[in-house]
C-alpha atoms as a PDB file:
ATOM      1  CA  MET A   1     100.562  86.168 214.893  1.00  0.00           C
ATOM      2  CA  ALA A   2      99.395  87.945 211.850  1.00  0.00           C
ATOM      3  CA  ASP A   3      95.923  88.902 211.128  1.00  0.00           C
ATOM      4  CA  HIS A   4      94.218  86.533 208.486  1.00  0.00           C
ATOM      5  CA  THR A   5      92.143  89.399 207.353  1.00  0.00           C
ATOM      6  CA  THR A   6      95.346  91.499 206.816  1.00  0.00           C
ATOM      7  CA  ILE A   7      96.783  88.542 204.809  1.00  0.00           C
ATOM      8  CA  ARG A   8      94.150  88.057 202.681  1.00  0.00           C
ATOM      9  CA  THR A   9      93.743  91.622 201.795  1.00  0.00           C
ATOM     10  CA  ALA A  10      97.365  91.880 200.919  1.00  0.00           C
ATOM     11  CA  VAL A  11      97.004  88.583 198.899  1.00  0.00           C
ATOM     12  CA  GLY A  12      94.051  90.196 197.023  1.00  0.00           C
ATOM     13  CA  ALA A  13      95.761  93.606 196.346  1.00  0.00           C
ATOM     14  CA  ARG A  14      98.959  91.882 195.015  1.00  0.00           C
ATOM     15  CA  ALA A  15      96.642  89.676 192.715  1.00  0.00           C
ATOM     16  CA  GLN A  16      94.856  92.819 191.333  1.00  0.00           C
ATOM     17  CA  ALA A  17      97.827  94.420 190.805  1.00  0.00           C
ATOM     18  CA  ILE A  18      99.380  91.209 188.600  1.00  0.00           C
ATOM     19  CA  ASP A  19      95.934  91.325 186.775  1.00  0.00           C
ATOM     20  CA  ALA A  20      95.945  95.103 186.050  1.00  0.00           C
ATOM     21  CA  GLY A  21      99.744  94.621 184.934  1.00  0.00           C
ATOM     22  CA  LEU A  22      98.917  91.579 182.808  1.00  0.00           C
ATOM     23  CA  ARG A  23      96.194  93.259 180.822  1.00  0.00           C
ATOM     24  CA  ALA A  24      98.784  96.316 180.298  1.00  0.00           C
ATOM     25  CA  HIS A  25     101.398  93.725 179.203  1.00  0.00           C
ATOM     26  CA  MET A  26      99.094  91.772 176.704  1.00  0.00           C
ATOM     27  CA  ASN A  27      97.860  95.356 175.440  1.00  0.00           C
ATOM     28  CA  LYS A  28     101.482  96.123 174.730  1.00  0.00           C
ATOM     29  CA  VAL A  29     102.109  92.793 172.842  1.00  0.00           C
ATOM     30  CA  TYR A  30      99.069  93.292 170.730  1.00  0.00           C
ATOM     31  CA  GLY A  31      99.775  96.676 170.035  1.00  0.00           C
ATOM     32  CA  THR A  32     103.235  96.221 169.020  1.00  0.00           C
ATOM     33  CA  MET A  33     102.198  93.319 166.662  1.00  0.00           C
ATOM     34  CA  SER A  34      99.600  95.239 165.231  1.00  0.00           C
ATOM     35  CA  VAL A  35     101.743  97.980 164.249  1.00  0.00           C
ATOM     36  CA  GLY A  36     104.164  95.690 162.888  1.00  0.00           C
ATOM     37  CA  MET A  37     101.426  94.111 160.845  1.00  0.00           C
ATOM     38  CA  LEU A  38     100.589  97.693 159.602  1.00  0.00           C
ATOM     39  CA  ILE A  39     104.101  98.198 158.721  1.00  0.00           C
ATOM     40  CA  THR A  40     104.425  94.995 156.682  1.00  0.00           C
ATOM     41  CA  ALA A  41     101.085  95.467 154.679  1.00  0.00           C
ATOM     42  CA  LEU A  42     102.127  98.953 153.715  1.00  0.00           C
ATOM     43  CA  ALA A  43     105.668  97.932 152.545  1.00  0.00           C
ATOM     44  CA  ALA A  44     104.261  94.864 150.738  1.00  0.00           C
ATOM     45  CA  TRP A  45     101.609  97.056 149.089  1.00  0.00           C
ATOM     46  CA  ALA A  46     103.990  99.816 148.046  1.00  0.00           C
ATOM     47  CA  VAL A  47     106.832  97.662 146.705  1.00  0.00           C
ATOM     48  CA  SER A  48     104.245  95.403 144.606  1.00  0.00           C
ATOM     49  CA  GLY A  49     102.766  98.796 143.097  1.00  0.00           C
ATOM     50  CA  LEU A  50     106.370 100.014 142.142  1.00  0.00           C
ATOM     51  CA  ALA A  51     107.127  96.613 140.647  1.00  0.00           C
ATOM     52  CA  GLN A  52     104.328  96.081 138.159  1.00  0.00           C
ATOM     53  CA  THR A  53     103.141  97.995 135.162  1.00  0.00           C
ATOM     54  CA  THR A  54     100.289  97.912 132.607  1.00  0.00           C
ATOM     55  CA  ASP A  55     102.190  99.501 130.050  1.00  0.00           C
ATOM     56  CA  PRO A  56     103.707  96.796 127.552  1.00  0.00           C
ATOM     57  CA  ALA A  57     106.216  99.119 126.273  1.00  0.00           C
ATOM     58  CA  ALA A  58     107.615  99.916 129.753  1.00  0.00           C
ATOM     59  CA  ALA A  59     107.700  96.219 130.793  1.00  0.00           C
ATOM     60  CA  ALA A  60     110.861  94.749 131.422  1.00  0.00           C
ATOM     61  CA  ALA A  61     109.634  91.222 132.375  1.00  0.00           C
ATOM     62  CA  MET A  62     106.294  89.270 132.427  1.00  0.00           C
ATOM     63  CA  LEU A  63     105.615  86.676 135.099  1.00  0.00           C
ATOM     64  CA  PRO A  64     103.763  83.452 133.950  1.00  0.00           C
ATOM     65  CA  ASN A  65     100.391  84.964 135.012  1.00  0.00           C
ATOM     66  CA  GLY A  66     100.755  87.773 132.595  1.00  0.00           C
ATOM     67  CA  VAL A  67     101.690  90.395 135.291  1.00  0.00           C
ATOM     68  CA  MET A  68     104.461  92.792 133.568  1.00  0.00           C
ATOM     69  CA  LEU A  69     107.219  93.975 135.807  1.00  0.00           C
ATOM     70  CA  THR A  70     109.222  97.239 135.686  1.00  0.00           C
ATOM     71  CA  SER A  71     112.771  97.246 135.839  1.00  0.00           C
ATOM     72  CA  PHE A  72     112.385  97.765 139.457  1.00  0.00           C
ATOM     73  CA  GLY A  73     110.240  94.844 139.681  1.00  0.00           C
ATOM     74  CA  THR A  74     112.655  92.769 137.769  1.00  0.00           C
ATOM     75  CA  ALA A  75     115.425  93.492 140.050  1.00  0.00           C
ATOM     76  CA  ILE A  76     113.567  92.537 143.005  1.00  0.00           C
ATOM     77  CA  PHE A  77     111.605  89.310 141.689  1.00  0.00           C
ATOM     78  CA  ALA A  78     113.729  88.171 138.890  1.00  0.00           C
ATOM     79  CA  SER A  79     117.234  88.608 140.052  1.00  0.00           C
ATOM     80  CA  PRO A  80     119.555  87.271 142.950  1.00  0.00           C
ATOM     81  CA  LEU A  81     118.348  90.068 145.100  1.00  0.00           C
ATOM     82  CA  GLN A  82     115.053  88.133 145.696  1.00  0.00           C
ATOM     83  CA  TRP A  83     117.151  85.527 147.892  1.00  0.00           C
ATOM     84  CA  LEU A  84     118.503  88.571 149.954  1.00  0.00           C
ATOM     85  CA  ILE A  85     115.023  89.661 150.363  1.00  0.00           C
ATOM     86  CA  ILE A  86     113.759  86.138 151.438  1.00  0.00           C
ATOM     87  CA  PHE A  87     116.325  85.594 153.886  1.00  0.00           C
ATOM     88  CA  ALA A  88     116.831  88.763 155.418  1.00  0.00           C
ATOM     89  CA  PRO A  89     113.780  88.550 157.955  1.00  0.00           C
ATOM     90  CA  LEU A  90     115.167  85.275 158.899  1.00  0.00           C
ATOM     91  CA  VAL A  91     118.676  86.818 159.847  1.00  0.00           C
ATOM     92  CA  VAL A  92     116.841  89.685 161.733  1.00  0.00           C
ATOM     93  CA  VAL A  93     114.825  87.291 163.966  1.00  0.00           C
ATOM     94  CA  PHE A  94     117.700  84.993 164.702  1.00  0.00           C
ATOM     95  CA  GLY A  95     119.965  88.054 165.603  1.00  0.00           C
ATOM     96  CA  MET A  96     117.053  89.820 167.564  1.00  0.00           C
ATOM     97  CA  SER A  97     116.638  86.422 169.561  1.00  0.00           C
ATOM     98  CA  ALA A  98     120.184  85.950 170.317  1.00  0.00           C
ATOM     99  CA  MET A  99     120.864  89.577 171.402  1.00  0.00           C
ATOM    100  CA  ILE A 100     117.663  90.246 173.188  1.00  0.00           C
ATOM    101  CA  ASN A 101     119.582  90.079 176.653  1.00  0.00           C
ATOM    102  CA  ARG A 102     122.354  92.745 175.506  1.00  0.00           C
ATOM    103  CA  ILE A 103     120.124  95.344 173.826  1.00  0.00           C
ATOM    104  CA  SER A 104     117.592  97.813 175.370  1.00  0.00           C
ATOM    105  CA  ALA A 105     113.996  97.807 174.858  1.00  0.00           C
ATOM    106  CA  PRO A 106     113.704 100.587 172.541  1.00  0.00           C
ATOM    107  CA  ALA A 107     116.290  98.862 170.439  1.00  0.00           C
ATOM    108  CA  ALA A 108     114.341  95.774 170.571  1.00  0.00           C
ATOM    109  CA  GLN A 109     111.235  97.509 169.362  1.00  0.00           C
ATOM    110  CA  LEU A 110     113.000  99.454 166.543  1.00  0.00           C
ATOM    111  CA  THR A 111     114.623  95.965 165.290  1.00  0.00           C
ATOM    112  CA  PHE A 112     110.966  94.571 165.375  1.00  0.00           C
ATOM    113  CA  TYR A 113     109.878  97.298 163.131  1.00  0.00           C
ATOM    114  CA  VAL A 114     113.062  96.819 160.900  1.00  0.00           C
ATOM    115  CA  PHE A 115     111.929  93.095 160.642  1.00  0.00           C
ATOM    116  CA  ALA A 116     108.429  94.222 159.775  1.00  0.00           C
ATOM    117  CA  VAL A 117     109.614  96.226 156.884  1.00  0.00           C
ATOM    118  CA  LEU A 118     111.828  93.347 155.610  1.00  0.00           C
ATOM    119  CA  MET A 119     108.640  90.884 155.946  1.00  0.00           C
ATOM    120  CA  GLY A 120     106.796  93.275 153.948  1.00  0.00           C
ATOM    121  CA  LEU A 121     109.402  93.341 151.120  1.00  0.00           C
ATOM    122  CA  SER A 122     109.573  89.489 151.419  1.00  0.00           C
ATOM    123  CA  LEU A 123     105.590  89.195 151.148  1.00  0.00           C
ATOM    124  CA  SER A 124     105.079  91.717 148.327  1.00  0.00           C
ATOM    125  CA  SER A 125     105.154  88.936 145.536  1.00  0.00           C
ATOM    126  CA  ILE A 126     101.605  87.857 146.756  1.00  0.00           C
ATOM    127  CA  PHE A 127     100.069  90.948 145.206  1.00  0.00           C
ATOM    128  CA  LEU A 128     101.671  89.600 141.765  1.00  0.00           C
ATOM    129  CA  VAL A 129     100.180  86.274 142.308  1.00  0.00           C
ATOM    130  CA  TYR A 130      96.936  86.478 144.095  1.00  0.00           C
ATOM    131  CA  THR A 131      93.954  88.767 143.485  1.00  0.00           C
ATOM    132  CA  GLY A 132      93.785  91.769 145.845  1.00  0.00           C
ATOM    133  CA  PHE A 133      90.081  90.506 146.890  1.00  0.00           C
ATOM    134  CA  SER A 134      91.285  87.123 148.044  1.00  0.00           C
ATOM    135  CA  ILE A 135      94.125  88.543 149.805  1.00  0.00           C
ATOM    136  CA  VAL A 136      91.814  90.810 151.912  1.00  0.00           C
ATOM    137  CA  GLN A 137      89.349  88.015 152.230  1.00  0.00           C
ATOM    138  CA  VAL A 138      92.109  85.685 153.520  1.00  0.00           C
ATOM    139  CA  PHE A 139      93.602  88.217 155.783  1.00  0.00           C
ATOM    140  CA  LEU A 140      90.031  88.740 157.660  1.00  0.00           C
ATOM    141  CA  ILE A 141      89.646  84.921 157.964  1.00  0.00           C
ATOM    142  CA  THR A 142      93.197  84.825 159.605  1.00  0.00           C
ATOM    143  CA  ALA A 143      92.295  87.753 161.939  1.00  0.00           C
ATOM    144  CA  VAL A 144      89.316  86.182 163.064  1.00  0.00           C
ATOM    145  CA  ALA A 145      90.768  82.879 163.512  1.00  0.00           C
ATOM    146  CA  PHE A 146      93.918  84.366 165.259  1.00  0.00           C
ATOM    147  CA  ALA A 147      91.796  86.310 167.811  1.00  0.00           C
ATOM    148  CA  GLY A 148      89.701  83.278 168.760  1.00  0.00           C
ATOM    149  CA  LEU A 149      92.677  81.077 169.038  1.00  0.00           C
ATOM    150  CA  SER A 150      94.714  83.733 171.072  1.00  0.00           C
ATOM    151  CA  LEU A 151      91.625  84.336 173.396  1.00  0.00           C
ATOM    152  CA  TYR A 152      91.360  80.547 174.156  1.00  0.00           C
ATOM    153  CA  GLY A 153      95.261  80.598 174.965  1.00  0.00           C
ATOM    154  CA  TYR A 154      94.537  83.532 177.274  1.00  0.00           C
ATOM    155  CA  THR A 155      91.456  82.325 179.243  1.00  0.00           C
ATOM    156  CA  THR A 156      91.848  78.448 178.981  1.00  0.00           C
ATOM    157  CA  GLY A 157      92.794  76.829 182.472  1.00  0.00           C
ATOM    158  CA  ARG A 158      94.241  73.788 180.500  1.00  0.00           C
ATOM    159  CA  ASP A 159      98.162  73.814 180.681  1.00  0.00           C
ATOM    160  CA  LEU A 160      99.509  73.990 176.993  1.00  0.00           C
ATOM    161  CA  SER A 161     102.914  73.652 177.716  1.00  0.00           C
ATOM    162  CA  ALA A 162     103.044  70.120 176.767  1.00  0.00           C
ATOM    163  CA  MET A 163     102.086  71.126 173.094  1.00  0.00           C
ATOM    164  CA  GLY A 164     105.135  73.171 172.552  1.00  0.00           C
ATOM    165  CA  THR A 165     107.741  70.431 171.839  1.00  0.00           C
ATOM    166  CA  PHE A 166     105.190  68.556 169.594  1.00  0.00           C
ATOM    167  CA  LEU A 167     104.441  71.778 167.673  1.00  0.00           C
ATOM    168  CA  MET A 168     107.886  72.832 167.253  1.00  0.00           C
ATOM    169  CA  MET A 169     108.860  69.170 165.858  1.00  0.00           C
ATOM    170  CA  GLY A 170     105.984  69.625 163.376  1.00  0.00           C
ATOM    171  CA  VAL A 171     107.321  73.100 162.189  1.00  0.00           C
ATOM    172  CA  ILE A 172     110.786  71.278 161.764  1.00  0.00           C
ATOM    173  CA  GLY A 173     109.016  68.434 159.857  1.00  0.00           C
ATOM    174  CA  LEU A 174     106.897  71.095 157.862  1.00  0.00           C
ATOM    175  CA  ILE A 175     110.269  72.914 156.649  1.00  0.00           C
ATOM    176  CA  VAL A 176     111.851  69.582 155.647  1.00  0.00           C
ATOM    177  CA  ALA A 177     108.822  68.891 153.618  1.00  0.00           C
ATOM    178  CA  MET A 178     108.589  72.339 151.871  1.00  0.00           C
ATOM    179  CA  VAL A 179     112.455  72.055 151.051  1.00  0.00           C
ATOM    180  CA  VAL A 180     111.613  68.574 149.593  1.00  0.00           C
ATOM    181  CA  ASN A 181     108.820  70.088 147.554  1.00  0.00           C
ATOM    182  CA  ILE A 182     110.911  72.438 145.812  1.00  0.00           C
ATOM    183  CA  PHE A 183     112.526  69.711 143.799  1.00  0.00           C
ATOM    184  CA  LEU A 184     109.300  67.437 143.764  1.00  0.00           C
ATOM    185  CA  GLN A 185     106.865  70.414 142.804  1.00  0.00           C
ATOM    186  CA  SER A 186     104.001  68.055 144.028  1.00  0.00           C
ATOM    187  CA  PRO A 187     100.519  69.716 144.016  1.00  0.00           C
ATOM    188  CA  GLY A 188      99.304  67.091 146.443  1.00  0.00           C
ATOM    189  CA  LEU A 189     102.391  67.570 148.798  1.00  0.00           C
ATOM    190  CA  MET A 190     101.874  71.370 148.699  1.00  0.00           C
ATOM    191  CA  PHE A 191      98.135  71.065 149.611  1.00  0.00           C
ATOM    192  CA  ALA A 192      99.131  68.773 152.531  1.00  0.00           C
ATOM    193  CA  ILE A 193     101.975  71.197 153.569  1.00  0.00           C
ATOM    194  CA  SER A 194      99.409  74.029 153.649  1.00  0.00           C
ATOM    195  CA  ALA A 195      96.753  72.233 155.643  1.00  0.00           C
ATOM    196  CA  ILE A 196      99.312  70.933 158.104  1.00  0.00           C
ATOM    197  CA  GLY A 197     100.937  74.594 158.345  1.00  0.00           C
ATOM    198  CA  VAL A 198      97.531  76.119 159.262  1.00  0.00           C
ATOM    199  CA  LEU A 199      96.869  73.635 162.020  1.00  0.00           C
ATOM    200  CA  LEU A 200     100.408  73.901 163.403  1.00  0.00           C
ATOM    201  CA  PHE A 201     100.203  77.598 163.649  1.00  0.00           C
ATOM    202  CA  ALA A 202      96.925  77.552 164.982  1.00  0.00           C
ATOM    203  CA  GLY A 203      98.210  75.539 167.872  1.00  0.00           C
ATOM    204  CA  LEU A 204     101.041  77.875 168.262  1.00  0.00           C
ATOM    205  CA  THR A 205      98.934  80.956 168.486  1.00  0.00           C
ATOM    206  CA  ALA A 206      97.114  79.248 171.605  1.00  0.00           C
ATOM    207  CA  TYR A 207     100.454  78.134 173.009  1.00  0.00           C
ATOM    208  CA  ASP A 208     102.432  81.281 172.586  1.00  0.00           C
ATOM    209  CA  THR A 209      99.601  83.509 173.983  1.00  0.00           C
ATOM    210  CA  GLN A 210      99.568  81.266 177.293  1.00  0.00           C
ATOM    211  CA  ALA A 211     103.162  81.481 177.332  1.00  0.00           C
ATOM    212  CA  ILE A 212     103.399  85.094 177.181  1.00  0.00           C
ATOM    213  CA  LYS A 213     100.768  85.324 179.996  1.00  0.00           C
ATOM    214  CA  SER A 214     102.558  82.734 182.161  1.00  0.00           C
ATOM    215  CA  ASN A 215     105.907  84.486 181.731  1.00  0.00           C
ATOM    216  CA  TYR A 216     104.480  87.454 182.807  1.00  0.00           C
ATOM    217  CA  VAL A 217     102.965  86.281 186.002  1.00  0.00           C
ATOM    218  CA  ALA A 218     106.265  84.567 186.867  1.00  0.00           C
ATOM    219  CA  MET A 219     108.406  87.663 186.354  1.00  0.00           C
ATOM    220  CA  ALA A 220     105.871  90.204 187.605  1.00  0.00           C
ATOM    221  CA  SER A 221     106.936  90.098 191.116  1.00  0.00           C
ATOM    222  CA  GLN A 222     110.795  90.843 190.206  1.00  0.00           C
ATOM    223  CA  GLY A 223     110.031  94.233 189.049  1.00  0.00           C
ATOM    224  CA  ASN A 224     112.358  94.087 186.269  1.00  0.00           C
ATOM    225  CA  THR A 225     110.514  96.619 183.848  1.00  0.00           C
ATOM    226  CA  ASP A 226     112.931  96.655 181.220  1.00  0.00           C
ATOM    227  CA  TRP A 227     112.953  92.803 180.754  1.00  0.00           C
ATOM    228  CA  LEU A 228     109.019  92.879 180.739  1.00  0.00           C
ATOM    229  CA  GLU A 229     109.322  95.700 178.095  1.00  0.00           C
ATOM    230  CA  LYS A 230     111.516  93.395 175.733  1.00  0.00           C
ATOM    231  CA  SER A 231     109.405  90.220 176.858  1.00  0.00           C
ATOM    232  CA  ALA A 232     106.246  92.212 175.401  1.00  0.00           C
ATOM    233  CA  ILE A 233     108.299  92.788 172.173  1.00  0.00           C
ATOM    234  CA  MET A 234     109.425  89.151 171.774  1.00  0.00           C
ATOM    235  CA  GLY A 235     105.756  88.109 172.556  1.00  0.00           C
ATOM    236  CA  ALA A 236     104.513  90.482 169.747  1.00  0.00           C
ATOM    237  CA  LEU A 237     107.213  88.772 167.446  1.00  0.00           C
ATOM    238  CA  ASN A 238     106.038  85.423 168.314  1.00  0.00           C
ATOM    239  CA  LEU A 239     102.541  85.959 167.773  1.00  0.00           C
ATOM    240  CA  TYR A 240     103.285  88.132 164.450  1.00  0.00           C
ATOM    241  CA  LEU A 241     105.067  84.922 162.874  1.00  0.00           C
ATOM    242  CA  ASP A 242     102.131  82.794 164.022  1.00  0.00           C
ATOM    243  CA  PHE A 243      99.776  85.042 162.177  1.00  0.00           C
ATOM    244  CA  ILE A 244     101.895  85.601 159.117  1.00  0.00           C
ATOM    245  CA  ASN A 245     102.358  81.864 158.638  1.00  0.00           C
ATOM    246  CA  MET A 246      98.981  81.087 159.216  1.00  0.00           C
ATOM    247  CA  PHE A 247      97.713  83.798 156.779  1.00  0.00           C
ATOM    248  CA  MET A 248     100.211  82.467 154.097  1.00  0.00           C
ATOM    249  CA  PHE A 249      99.096  78.764 154.287  1.00  0.00           C
ATOM    250  CA  LEU A 250      95.629  79.883 154.237  1.00  0.00           C
ATOM    251  CA  LEU A 251      96.272  81.937 151.369  1.00  0.00           C
ATOM    252  CA  GLN A 252      97.838  79.024 149.388  1.00  0.00           C
ATOM    253  CA  LEU A 253      94.651  76.807 150.228  1.00  0.00           C
ATOM    254  CA  PHE A 254      92.060  79.481 149.285  1.00  0.00           C
ATOM    255  CA  GLY A 255      93.599  82.494 147.581  1.00  0.00           C
ATOM    256  CA  ASP A 256      92.280  83.165 143.982  1.00  0.00           C
ATOM    257  CA  ARG A 257      95.447  83.312 141.588  1.00  0.00           C
ATOM    258  CA  ARG A 258      95.772  85.864 139.009  1.00  0.00           C
END
């Protein structure tokens, strides 16, 4: 008969190993996400700086808020190219999700960084619409809220899995409302969309964090290091999307326009 002390020691050692591995896994997730956020911020800032000018003689176009665009800015923000920039990140996300089982971890990480660059191009227009101070202010508010929500998702003993279906249905409904409002142009509906969007992606931040943790614990015993690496990258992608969407909806609510 096995010695109970030996069994308890083995179980305790395995639990400690999982805890250490989980911490390393979460550090990988947050580290990858942070690098992606930095790439996005730099790309958005660089493109917005190239796109606008203060020289009326050199301006190729002017936005309704008085911001003058260079020929580069006109090509980016006032031509059909803007639709390519808007939808390119979506194509990369869906492609990455569909191919994650067939590509290597380094290829998945490179794809994530390419996606971050494309998101920077897509988000660069916020520097033309909102003041720099309000962008920084809302970003910091989002960062604090994200950290608290992600910490809650990581530490709570409550099972958040039941929230997943409800939150995803809410996101689908939100997308439909946003499409409808393209035609209605209702300020009241836009305010409601932004407020609900903040709540939905706040919930998804906690939900996705717990899901990343649960997936690691479930798979750690299998020893598939390549899949764990790719799982960390996909986790970083999910949290990145939660952060960006929460930031954009908060910016629509509280950002100061030019």
